Amino acid sequence: MFKLSGGLTRRQLLAGGAKIVGAAAMTQVSPSLARAMSKPVGADEPLTPMRLSEGWEFFKGPLGGPWEVWHSQELAVFSKVGMPHCFNAMDGCDPEVSYYRGQGWYRTWLQPKNAYANGRTLLHFWGSGQVTTVWLGEEKLAEHKGGYDEFVVDLTDALAKAKPDKRGVPIAVLCDNSRRMDTIPSDFSDFSLYGGLYRHVELVYVPAMAIEALHITVTGADTARPKAQVSLRVYAPGHAPAQASALVRIADPNGKDRKSVV
């Protein structure tokens, strides 16, 4: 049994397939396990994360907010970039100059197509420095402090209200590595605090009910009868806390099912 959770943690278990028996829905597991999972319900092929490597534009400098990202061509001239991207890729390693500390703005347009009925559409950031703010259009969705961990932004509710143009829905991302007193590491560290979307960004589709965290504890591994305890946390915004059961299949090294446990 497990409890439904409405919050997102930094380590989302995002794509794959354990089946929740009581809810009759496919769930998702971590990005590290995504490629080894089974086919989801409601889609012909597994919905693996879509890596957003192209279609990005970048402006280095301060802007007043997302409105200027979309409407101030004479103020902010954006250039095309590929992902990942770091705006300290050169000056951060130059001992002759001080590296840039400030705002770096990214923008792109998405055309999400979620095959899951009532599914959730997420943006998975593998790492961005140092404080990151995400908007859909001019609606602020999230702010993340921390340049060396991953995080996820849920786009679902904002997409329901969005009015896309022929390019799709506009996404703006601000990465700011300005001097701050409320982030780690501090400015007393002995290395550069790089700015930018320096790791991959992925578009991820999950069902209305998905596994947010999966933890397996094995005891007696050196005995003839080892035991494994599986703990799940479910991501299901808008659902009241409930109880359900999960079907866990145990396979041998050759992939053959050895046992199923509910």
C-alpha atoms as a PDB file:
ATOM      1  CA  MET A   1       0.000   0.000   0.000  1.00  0.00           C
ATOM      2  CA  PHE A   2       1.123   3.522  -0.666  1.00  0.00           C
ATOM      3  CA  LYS A   3      -0.050   7.079  -0.419  1.00  0.00           C
ATOM      4  CA  LEU A   4      -0.856   9.334  -3.336  1.00  0.00           C
ATOM      5  CA  SER A   5       1.322  12.428  -3.391  1.00  0.00           C
ATOM      6  CA  GLY A   6       0.640  15.777  -5.065  1.00  0.00           C
ATOM      7  CA  GLY A   7       4.156  17.248  -4.886  1.00  0.00           C
ATOM      8  CA  LEU A   8       7.181  16.995  -7.176  1.00  0.00           C
ATOM      9  CA  THR A   9      10.631  16.261  -5.844  1.00  0.00           C
ATOM     10  CA  ARG A  10      13.942  16.870  -7.549  1.00  0.00           C
ATOM     11  CA  ARG A  11      14.377  13.226  -8.423  1.00  0.00           C
ATOM     12  CA  GLN A  12      11.281  12.365 -10.462  1.00  0.00           C
ATOM     13  CA  LEU A  13      10.804   8.809 -11.565  1.00  0.00           C
ATOM     14  CA  LEU A  14       9.447   9.651 -14.943  1.00  0.00           C
ATOM     15  CA  ALA A  15       9.170   7.020 -17.615  1.00  0.00           C
ATOM     16  CA  GLY A  16       8.601   3.298 -17.828  1.00  0.00           C
ATOM     17  CA  GLY A  17       6.001   0.927 -16.521  1.00  0.00           C
ATOM     18  CA  ALA A  18       4.965  -0.754 -13.279  1.00  0.00           C
ATOM     19  CA  LYS A  19       1.246  -1.441 -13.198  1.00  0.00           C
ATOM     20  CA  ILE A  20      -0.884  -0.160 -10.331  1.00  0.00           C
ATOM     21  CA  VAL A  21      -3.534  -2.819  -9.964  1.00  0.00           C
ATOM     22  CA  GLY A  22      -6.068  -0.847  -7.927  1.00  0.00           C
ATOM     23  CA  ALA A  23      -5.955   2.179 -10.217  1.00  0.00           C
ATOM     24  CA  ALA A  24      -5.800   0.331 -13.560  1.00  0.00           C
ATOM     25  CA  ALA A  25      -3.221   2.811 -14.855  1.00  0.00           C
ATOM     26  CA  MET A  26       0.381   2.646 -15.971  1.00  0.00           C
ATOM     27  CA  THR A  27       2.937   4.431 -13.836  1.00  0.00           C
ATOM     28  CA  GLN A  28       6.385   5.755 -14.568  1.00  0.00           C
ATOM     29  CA  VAL A  29       9.834   5.070 -13.172  1.00  0.00           C
ATOM     30  CA  SER A  30      13.077   6.975 -13.086  1.00  0.00           C
ATOM     31  CA  PRO A  31      14.937   8.436 -16.090  1.00  0.00           C
ATOM     32  CA  SER A  32      17.764   6.001 -15.348  1.00  0.00           C
ATOM     33  CA  LEU A  33      15.367   3.065 -15.783  1.00  0.00           C
ATOM     34  CA  ALA A  34      13.232   4.529 -18.547  1.00  0.00           C
ATOM     35  CA  ARG A  35      14.765   2.583 -21.413  1.00  0.00           C
ATOM     36  CA  ALA A  36      14.138  -0.819 -19.815  1.00  0.00           C
ATOM     37  CA  MET A  37      10.437  -0.563 -19.055  1.00  0.00           C
ATOM     38  CA  SER A  38       7.313  -1.993 -20.695  1.00  0.00           C
ATOM     39  CA  LYS A  39       4.731  -0.468 -23.015  1.00  0.00           C
ATOM     40  CA  PRO A  40       2.345   2.066 -21.389  1.00  0.00           C
ATOM     41  CA  VAL A  41      -1.432   1.926 -21.564  1.00  0.00           C
ATOM     42  CA  GLY A  42      -3.004   4.137 -24.222  1.00  0.00           C
ATOM     43  CA  ALA A  43       0.042   4.456 -26.501  1.00  0.00           C
ATOM     44  CA  ASP A  44       1.397   2.312 -29.331  1.00  0.00           C
ATOM     45  CA  GLU A  45       5.009   2.820 -28.251  1.00  0.00           C
ATOM     46  CA  PRO A  46       6.675   3.653 -24.912  1.00  0.00           C
ATOM     47  CA  LEU A  47       6.550   7.368 -24.243  1.00  0.00           C
ATOM     48  CA  THR A  48      10.240   7.963 -23.691  1.00  0.00           C
ATOM     49  CA  PRO A  49      11.357  11.485 -22.776  1.00  0.00           C
ATOM     50  CA  MET A  50      11.774  13.896 -25.702  1.00  0.00           C
ATOM     51  CA  ARG A  51      15.161  15.592 -25.491  1.00  0.00           C
ATOM     52  CA  LEU A  52      14.865  19.284 -26.405  1.00  0.00           C
ATOM     53  CA  SER A  53      18.245  19.858 -28.032  1.00  0.00           C
ATOM     54  CA  GLU A  54      17.151  22.208 -30.820  1.00  0.00           C
ATOM     55  CA  GLY A  55      14.782  25.131 -31.293  1.00  0.00           C
ATOM     56  CA  TRP A  56      16.213  27.297 -28.489  1.00  0.00           C
ATOM     57  CA  GLU A  57      17.169  30.980 -28.578  1.00  0.00           C
ATOM     58  CA  PHE A  58      19.335  32.842 -26.071  1.00  0.00           C
ATOM     59  CA  PHE A  59      19.892  36.404 -24.850  1.00  0.00           C
ATOM     60  CA  LYS A  60      22.620  37.332 -22.356  1.00  0.00           C
ATOM     61  CA  GLY A  61      21.670  40.326 -20.288  1.00  0.00           C
ATOM     62  CA  PRO A  62      19.003  41.695 -17.952  1.00  0.00           C
ATOM     63  CA  LEU A  63      15.340  41.880 -18.946  1.00  0.00           C
ATOM     64  CA  GLY A  64      12.378  43.134 -16.944  1.00  0.00           C
ATOM     65  CA  GLY A  65      10.425  39.907 -17.275  1.00  0.00           C
ATOM     66  CA  PRO A  66       8.883  37.425 -19.720  1.00  0.00           C
ATOM     67  CA  TRP A  67       6.891  40.125 -21.566  1.00  0.00           C
ATOM     68  CA  GLU A  68      10.156  41.558 -22.859  1.00  0.00           C
ATOM     69  CA  VAL A  69      11.250  38.084 -23.945  1.00  0.00           C
ATOM     70  CA  TRP A  70       8.399  37.945 -26.443  1.00  0.00           C
ATOM     71  CA  HIS A  71       7.721  41.616 -27.305  1.00  0.00           C
ATOM     72  CA  SER A  72      10.957  43.614 -27.184  1.00  0.00           C
ATOM     73  CA  GLN A  73      12.849  42.690 -30.333  1.00  0.00           C
ATOM     74  CA  GLU A  74      14.626  46.050 -30.377  1.00  0.00           C
ATOM     75  CA  LEU A  75      15.752  45.528 -26.761  1.00  0.00           C
ATOM     76  CA  ALA A  76      16.661  41.833 -26.730  1.00  0.00           C
ATOM     77  CA  VAL A  77      18.179  40.246 -29.816  1.00  0.00           C
ATOM     78  CA  PHE A  78      18.059  36.484 -29.305  1.00  0.00           C
ATOM     79  CA  SER A  79      20.449  34.107 -31.052  1.00  0.00           C
ATOM     80  CA  LYS A  80      19.921  30.428 -31.836  1.00  0.00           C
ATOM     81  CA  VAL A  81      21.694  27.951 -29.561  1.00  0.00           C
ATOM     82  CA  GLY A  82      21.777  24.197 -29.076  1.00  0.00           C
ATOM     83  CA  MET A  83      21.347  22.411 -25.790  1.00  0.00           C
ATOM     84  CA  PRO A  84      23.058  21.954 -23.416  1.00  0.00           C
ATOM     85  CA  HIS A  85      24.315  25.553 -23.256  1.00  0.00           C
ATOM     86  CA  CYS A  86      26.462  27.454 -20.755  1.00  0.00           C
ATOM     87  CA  PHE A  87      26.898  31.213 -21.062  1.00  0.00           C
ATOM     88  CA  ASN A  88      30.216  30.991 -19.187  1.00  0.00           C
ATOM     89  CA  ALA A  89      31.685  28.387 -21.520  1.00  0.00           C
ATOM     90  CA  MET A  90      34.542  30.736 -22.479  1.00  0.00           C
ATOM     91  CA  ASP A  91      34.955  33.444 -19.868  1.00  0.00           C
ATOM     92  CA  GLY A  92      34.542  31.016 -16.962  1.00  0.00           C
ATOM     93  CA  CYS A  93      37.920  29.500 -17.889  1.00  0.00           C
ATOM     94  CA  ASP A  94      39.770  32.696 -18.800  1.00  0.00           C
ATOM     95  CA  PRO A  95      42.162  33.828 -16.040  1.00  0.00           C
ATOM     96  CA  GLU A  96      42.545  37.252 -17.680  1.00  0.00           C
ATOM     97  CA  VAL A  97      38.908  38.394 -17.345  1.00  0.00           C
ATOM     98  CA  SER A  98      36.136  38.232 -14.770  1.00  0.00           C
ATOM     99  CA  TYR A  99      33.432  35.837 -15.901  1.00  0.00           C
ATOM    100  CA  TYR A 100      29.871  37.071 -16.515  1.00  0.00           C
ATOM    101  CA  ARG A 101      27.532  37.081 -13.517  1.00  0.00           C
ATOM    102  CA  GLY A 102      23.909  37.905 -14.261  1.00  0.00           C
ATOM    103  CA  GLN A 103      20.844  36.928 -16.257  1.00  0.00           C
ATOM    104  CA  GLY A 104      20.741  34.621 -19.240  1.00  0.00           C
ATOM    105  CA  TRP A 105      17.368  34.169 -20.978  1.00  0.00           C
ATOM    106  CA  TYR A 106      16.289  31.175 -23.048  1.00  0.00           C
ATOM    107  CA  ARG A 107      13.125  30.754 -25.066  1.00  0.00           C
ATOM    108  CA  THR A 108      11.554  28.040 -27.184  1.00  0.00           C
ATOM    109  CA  TRP A 109       8.177  26.891 -28.479  1.00  0.00           C
ATOM    110  CA  LEU A 110       6.651  23.498 -27.692  1.00  0.00           C
ATOM    111  CA  GLN A 111       3.897  21.480 -29.326  1.00  0.00           C
ATOM    112  CA  PRO A 112       3.057  18.915 -26.640  1.00  0.00           C
ATOM    113  CA  LYS A 113       1.075  15.826 -27.613  1.00  0.00           C
ATOM    114  CA  ASN A 114       0.329  13.688 -24.587  1.00  0.00           C
ATOM    115  CA  ALA A 115      -1.101  10.284 -25.549  1.00  0.00           C
ATOM    116  CA  TYR A 116      -2.213   9.511 -21.998  1.00  0.00           C
ATOM    117  CA  ALA A 117      -5.820  10.301 -21.141  1.00  0.00           C
ATOM    118  CA  ASN A 118      -5.708  13.062 -18.487  1.00  0.00           C
ATOM    119  CA  GLY A 119      -1.929  12.635 -18.408  1.00  0.00           C
ATOM    120  CA  ARG A 120       0.606  15.133 -17.106  1.00  0.00           C
ATOM    121  CA  THR A 121       3.128  17.008 -19.258  1.00  0.00           C
ATOM    122  CA  LEU A 122       6.442  17.789 -17.546  1.00  0.00           C
ATOM    123  CA  LEU A 123       9.696  19.592 -18.264  1.00  0.00           C
ATOM    124  CA  HIS A 124      12.664  17.749 -16.772  1.00  0.00           C
ATOM    125  CA  PHE A 125      15.754  19.907 -16.196  1.00  0.00           C
ATOM    126  CA  TRP A 126      18.900  17.831 -15.653  1.00  0.00           C
ATOM    127  CA  GLY A 127      20.814  20.825 -14.329  1.00  0.00           C
ATOM    128  CA  SER A 128      20.869  24.618 -14.739  1.00  0.00           C
ATOM    129  CA  GLY A 129      22.810  27.336 -13.002  1.00  0.00           C
ATOM    130  CA  GLN A 130      22.308  28.874 -10.663  1.00  0.00           C
ATOM    131  CA  VAL A 131      18.741  30.100  -9.972  1.00  0.00           C
ATOM    132  CA  THR A 132      16.236  29.081 -12.660  1.00  0.00           C
ATOM    133  CA  THR A 133      12.768  30.539 -13.299  1.00  0.00           C
ATOM    134  CA  VAL A 134      10.342  29.032 -15.819  1.00  0.00           C
ATOM    135  CA  TRP A 135       7.379  30.697 -17.550  1.00  0.00           C
ATOM    136  CA  LEU A 136       4.786  29.467 -20.002  1.00  0.00           C
ATOM    137  CA  GLY A 137       3.969  32.649 -21.898  1.00  0.00           C
ATOM    138  CA  GLU A 138       3.885  35.201 -19.103  1.00  0.00           C
ATOM    139  CA  GLU A 139       2.687  32.797 -16.389  1.00  0.00           C
ATOM    140  CA  LYS A 140       5.396  31.948 -13.878  1.00  0.00           C
ATOM    141  CA  LEU A 141       5.422  28.204 -13.216  1.00  0.00           C
ATOM    142  CA  ALA A 142       8.438  27.569 -11.007  1.00  0.00           C
ATOM    143  CA  GLU A 143      11.638  28.904  -9.486  1.00  0.00           C
ATOM    144  CA  HIS A 144      14.460  26.536  -8.595  1.00  0.00           C
ATOM    145  CA  LYS A 145      17.499  27.446  -6.502  1.00  0.00           C
ATOM    146  CA  GLY A 146      20.462  25.163  -7.015  1.00  0.00           C
ATOM    147  CA  GLY A 147      22.819  24.796  -9.939  1.00  0.00           C
ATOM    148  CA  TYR A 148      23.837  21.163  -9.555  1.00  0.00           C
ATOM    149  CA  ASP A 149      20.678  19.109  -9.197  1.00  0.00           C
ATOM    150  CA  GLU A 150      17.788  18.142 -11.440  1.00  0.00           C
ATOM    151  CA  PHE A 151      14.186  19.293 -11.099  1.00  0.00           C
ATOM    152  CA  VAL A 152      10.839  18.981 -12.854  1.00  0.00           C
ATOM    153  CA  VAL A 153       8.223  21.584 -13.789  1.00  0.00           C
ATOM    154  CA  ASP A 154       4.632  20.465 -14.412  1.00  0.00           C
ATOM    155  CA  LEU A 155       3.193  22.273 -17.475  1.00  0.00           C
ATOM    156  CA  THR A 156      -0.196  20.554 -17.488  1.00  0.00           C
ATOM    157  CA  ASP A 157      -2.483  23.151 -15.919  1.00  0.00           C
ATOM    158  CA  ALA A 158      -0.847  26.062 -17.742  1.00  0.00           C
ATOM    159  CA  LEU A 159      -1.124  24.229 -21.076  1.00  0.00           C
ATOM    160  CA  ALA A 160      -4.879  23.855 -20.559  1.00  0.00           C
ATOM    161  CA  LYS A 161      -5.174  27.667 -20.547  1.00  0.00           C
ATOM    162  CA  ALA A 162      -2.557  28.430 -23.189  1.00  0.00           C
ATOM    163  CA  LYS A 163      -3.295  29.771 -26.658  1.00  0.00           C
ATOM    164  CA  PRO A 164      -0.520  28.451 -28.891  1.00  0.00           C
ATOM    165  CA  ASP A 165       0.384  30.024 -32.218  1.00  0.00           C
ATOM    166  CA  LYS A 166       1.653  28.129 -35.267  1.00  0.00           C
ATOM    167  CA  ARG A 167       5.016  27.623 -33.536  1.00  0.00           C
ATOM    168  CA  GLY A 168       3.448  26.183 -30.378  1.00  0.00           C
ATOM    169  CA  VAL A 169       3.290  27.369 -26.774  1.00  0.00           C
ATOM    170  CA  PRO A 170       6.059  29.775 -25.682  1.00  0.00           C
ATOM    171  CA  ILE A 171       8.423  28.695 -22.894  1.00  0.00           C
ATOM    172  CA  ALA A 172      10.850  31.174 -21.319  1.00  0.00           C
ATOM    173  CA  VAL A 173      13.622  30.158 -18.914  1.00  0.00           C
ATOM    174  CA  LEU A 174      15.753  32.574 -16.901  1.00  0.00           C
ATOM    175  CA  CYS A 175      19.085  31.307 -15.590  1.00  0.00           C
ATOM    176  CA  ASP A 176      20.729  33.724 -13.168  1.00  0.00           C
ATOM    177  CA  ASN A 177      24.177  33.289 -11.623  1.00  0.00           C
ATOM    178  CA  SER A 178      24.274  36.698  -9.943  1.00  0.00           C
ATOM    179  CA  ARG A 179      25.841  37.027  -6.503  1.00  0.00           C
ATOM    180  CA  ARG A 180      23.367  35.859  -3.846  1.00  0.00           C
ATOM    181  CA  MET A 181      23.410  35.103  -0.127  1.00  0.00           C
ATOM    182  CA  ASP A 182      20.627  32.494  -0.146  1.00  0.00           C
ATOM    183  CA  THR A 183      22.082  29.825  -2.431  1.00  0.00           C
ATOM    184  CA  ILE A 184      24.709  27.110  -2.206  1.00  0.00           C
ATOM    185  CA  PRO A 185      27.584  27.145  -3.031  1.00  0.00           C
ATOM    186  CA  SER A 186      28.400  30.604  -1.766  1.00  0.00           C
ATOM    187  CA  ASP A 187      30.627  33.163  -3.442  1.00  0.00           C
ATOM    188  CA  PHE A 188      33.402  32.123  -1.069  1.00  0.00           C
ATOM    189  CA  SER A 189      33.849  28.918  -3.081  1.00  0.00           C
ATOM    190  CA  ASP A 190      37.005  28.481  -5.133  1.00  0.00           C
ATOM    191  CA  PHE A 191      35.373  27.725  -8.499  1.00  0.00           C
ATOM    192  CA  SER A 192      33.211  29.523 -11.048  1.00  0.00           C
ATOM    193  CA  LEU A 193      29.445  29.471 -10.552  1.00  0.00           C
ATOM    194  CA  TYR A 194      28.463  28.800 -14.139  1.00  0.00           C
ATOM    195  CA  GLY A 195      25.172  29.980 -15.595  1.00  0.00           C
ATOM    196  CA  GLY A 196      22.904  28.479 -18.225  1.00  0.00           C
ATOM    197  CA  LEU A 197      21.028  25.326 -19.171  1.00  0.00           C
ATOM    198  CA  TYR A 198      24.241  23.364 -18.976  1.00  0.00           C
ATOM    199  CA  ARG A 199      22.572  19.947 -18.946  1.00  0.00           C
ATOM    200  CA  HIS A 200      19.748  18.471 -21.010  1.00  0.00           C
ATOM    201  CA  VAL A 201      16.113  19.559 -20.899  1.00  0.00           C
ATOM    202  CA  GLU A 202      13.483  16.923 -21.708  1.00  0.00           C
ATOM    203  CA  LEU A 203       9.737  16.950 -22.349  1.00  0.00           C
ATOM    204  CA  VAL A 204       8.138  14.054 -20.469  1.00  0.00           C
ATOM    205  CA  TYR A 205       4.635  12.600 -20.590  1.00  0.00           C
ATOM    206  CA  VAL A 206       3.240  10.606 -17.662  1.00  0.00           C
ATOM    207  CA  PRO A 207      -0.231   9.197 -16.905  1.00  0.00           C
ATOM    208  CA  ALA A 208      -2.626  10.824 -14.467  1.00  0.00           C
ATOM    209  CA  MET A 209      -1.126   8.508 -11.842  1.00  0.00           C
ATOM    210  CA  ALA A 210       2.636   7.931 -11.961  1.00  0.00           C
ATOM    211  CA  ILE A 211       5.373   6.667  -9.688  1.00  0.00           C
ATOM    212  CA  GLU A 212       7.271   9.641  -8.256  1.00  0.00           C
ATOM    213  CA  ALA A 213       9.766   7.669  -6.177  1.00  0.00           C
ATOM    214  CA  LEU A 214      10.811   4.029  -5.994  1.00  0.00           C
ATOM    215  CA  HIS A 215      13.014   2.570  -3.264  1.00  0.00           C
ATOM    216  CA  ILE A 216      14.119  -1.069  -2.964  1.00  0.00           C
ATOM    217  CA  THR A 217      15.734  -2.459   0.174  1.00  0.00           C
ATOM    218  CA  VAL A 218      17.347  -5.908  -0.022  1.00  0.00           C
ATOM    219  CA  THR A 219      18.215  -7.963   3.056  1.00  0.00           C
ATOM    220  CA  GLY A 220      19.868 -11.349   3.258  1.00  0.00           C
ATOM    221  CA  ALA A 221      21.514 -11.008  -0.145  1.00  0.00           C
ATOM    222  CA  ASP A 222      24.240 -13.449   0.916  1.00  0.00           C
ATOM    223  CA  THR A 223      21.735 -16.135   1.938  1.00  0.00           C
ATOM    224  CA  ALA A 224      19.653 -18.680   0.032  1.00  0.00           C
ATOM    225  CA  ARG A 225      16.435 -16.725   0.717  1.00  0.00           C
ATOM    226  CA  PRO A 226      17.028 -12.985   0.267  1.00  0.00           C
ATOM    227  CA  LYS A 227      14.177 -10.554   0.816  1.00  0.00           C
ATOM    228  CA  ALA A 228      13.312  -7.294  -0.951  1.00  0.00           C
ATOM    229  CA  GLN A 229      11.059  -4.508   0.304  1.00  0.00           C
ATOM    230  CA  VAL A 230       9.655  -2.109  -2.329  1.00  0.00           C
ATOM    231  CA  SER A 231       8.384   1.351  -1.377  1.00  0.00           C
ATOM    232  CA  LEU A 232       6.536   3.614  -3.829  1.00  0.00           C
ATOM    233  CA  ARG A 233       5.421   7.236  -3.799  1.00  0.00           C
ATOM    234  CA  VAL A 234       2.839   8.217  -6.400  1.00  0.00           C
ATOM    235  CA  TYR A 235       2.512  11.523  -8.236  1.00  0.00           C
ATOM    236  CA  ALA A 236      -1.159  12.269  -8.917  1.00  0.00           C
ATOM    237  CA  PRO A 237      -2.076  15.985  -8.625  1.00  0.00           C
ATOM    238  CA  GLY A 238      -5.757  16.587  -7.980  1.00  0.00           C
ATOM    239  CA  HIS A 239      -6.368  13.159  -6.461  1.00  0.00           C
ATOM    240  CA  ALA A 240      -7.233  12.743  -2.807  1.00  0.00           C
ATOM    241  CA  PRO A 241      -4.971  10.494  -0.688  1.00  0.00           C
ATOM    242  CA  ALA A 242      -5.989   6.878  -1.181  1.00  0.00           C
ATOM    243  CA  GLN A 243      -4.812   3.315  -0.770  1.00  0.00           C
ATOM    244  CA  ALA A 244      -4.006   0.884  -3.565  1.00  0.00           C
ATOM    245  CA  SER A 245      -1.838  -2.115  -4.338  1.00  0.00           C
ATOM    246  CA  ALA A 246       1.012  -2.575  -6.799  1.00  0.00           C
ATOM    247  CA  LEU A 247       2.098  -5.597  -8.817  1.00  0.00           C
ATOM    248  CA  VAL A 248       5.872  -6.166  -8.618  1.00  0.00           C
ATOM    249  CA  ARG A 249       7.484  -8.620 -11.025  1.00  0.00           C
ATOM    250  CA  ILE A 250      10.871 -10.104 -10.101  1.00  0.00           C
ATOM    251  CA  ALA A 251      13.036 -11.292 -13.000  1.00  0.00           C
ATOM    252  CA  ASP A 252      16.269 -13.257 -13.190  1.00  0.00           C
ATOM    253  CA  PRO A 253      19.409 -11.894 -14.949  1.00  0.00           C
ATOM    254  CA  ASN A 254      18.036 -13.239 -18.262  1.00  0.00           C
ATOM    255  CA  GLY A 255      14.826 -11.247 -17.946  1.00  0.00           C
ATOM    256  CA  LYS A 256      12.614 -14.233 -17.153  1.00  0.00           C
ATOM    257  CA  ASP A 257       9.895 -13.585 -14.567  1.00  0.00           C
ATOM    258  CA  ARG A 258      10.585 -15.555 -11.392  1.00  0.00           C
ATOM    259  CA  LYS A 259       7.871 -14.235  -9.149  1.00  0.00           C
ATOM    260  CA  SER A 260       5.068 -11.689  -8.959  1.00  0.00           C
ATOM    261  CA  VAL A 261       4.089 -10.051  -5.695  1.00  0.00           C
ATOM    262  CA  VAL A 262       1.090  -7.807  -4.962  1.00  0.00           C
END
